[in-house]
């Protein structure tokens, strides 16, 4: 399908080809719309920050062995970010916040880098460099339950729109290696369990597997070949805002530390892409397919008509290519079917004279002759994303 490749010079990092990157951007566009509707603002934090910030956050002590670092000529150590949360706290701290500003929902499609042993790398499913649909909700303790339920509802709706109905939720409590007092951990675990009870969802205990700063919910998807993959997470954090000096002014006029809810829904976009490839066996839904239509002229005399048809498709916002090779139409159909192109517009001299197109859908042996206007209008409807229908 010509989506991506890996090579030895960049282990665990994806070389996205044009079609793969188109697919990747469609996922981001979809999630960007869903987040905007849910009240998130999108930000972007630096890819590389000084080691002192990661020491203050606690990540260096707990996660330093998995971080990529570089030494500058002025003897400073910088780290490629393995997660986005410290950067989002810095954005929260810029300017005084009031309780009236909360909850503040901050989202980023952030590229993160984590060292994984070469033996643990596994295609798109486990990489060293990946993009998260990461977000952090800064809220008051009273807002925790409501915000986490909203996250759960949004996440389950999104998974359903991608065809995943079998979703397991795991509750991960305090790990042995952690920051914060037992009292804080008691509060955060009780708060997250209250969310599960209020949401009325089934869950299972994943003992000792919480983040080092707080407990979490893990959303596990099962792909079409029966493998389980952890994608989304909701993590409750009473520790990091205080460690990094984040405060808001409460109704009492005093300074308070916000609660921080870490949230990702796709999780790793690379992993989610891999799951989608398995789930659909490459036959992506029309809205997601990198190439939605291939125009295939039967004879060279129909090339000009085919090119005009392609331009009409592009003008309608459809992702359309044209195959002008001097090959038999059966060869073209077979090749593009093998590449999982969902729709072909087959055109010859009759179609050119009648301003029509023969529409052939992947897996359907029959073609349907339609006017160009009708065919394009139908494709615009059929290629709408699930949230736009």
Foldseek 3Di string as FASTA:
>chain_A
DQAWDDDDVFFQDIGGDLLNVLLLVLVVVVVVVLVVVVPADEDAFDQKDFVVLCVLLVCCVVAVVFWDWDADPVGTIMTGAQDCVSRVLVVLQPDAAALVCPFHKYWYQYKGATDDPSVPRDALQGGGIFTFRKMKTWHALVCLLVVVLSQVVSLCVVCVLLPFPDKAKEKEAAAPQADDDPVVSVSQSVSVVVNCVVNVDDHYYPYRPADRFFIKMWIWTAAPVGDIGTAKMKTKGPDRQVSSVRWHQYPVRDTDGTIMIMITRRHTSSNSVVRSCRRCVQQHQLLSRSAQEEEEEQDLVCVVVSVVLQVVLVVLVHRYHYDNDPDHPVVVVVVVLVNNRAWYWYDYVVCVVVQWTWIDGRPDPHTDIDHSVVVSVVSSVRNDRPVRD
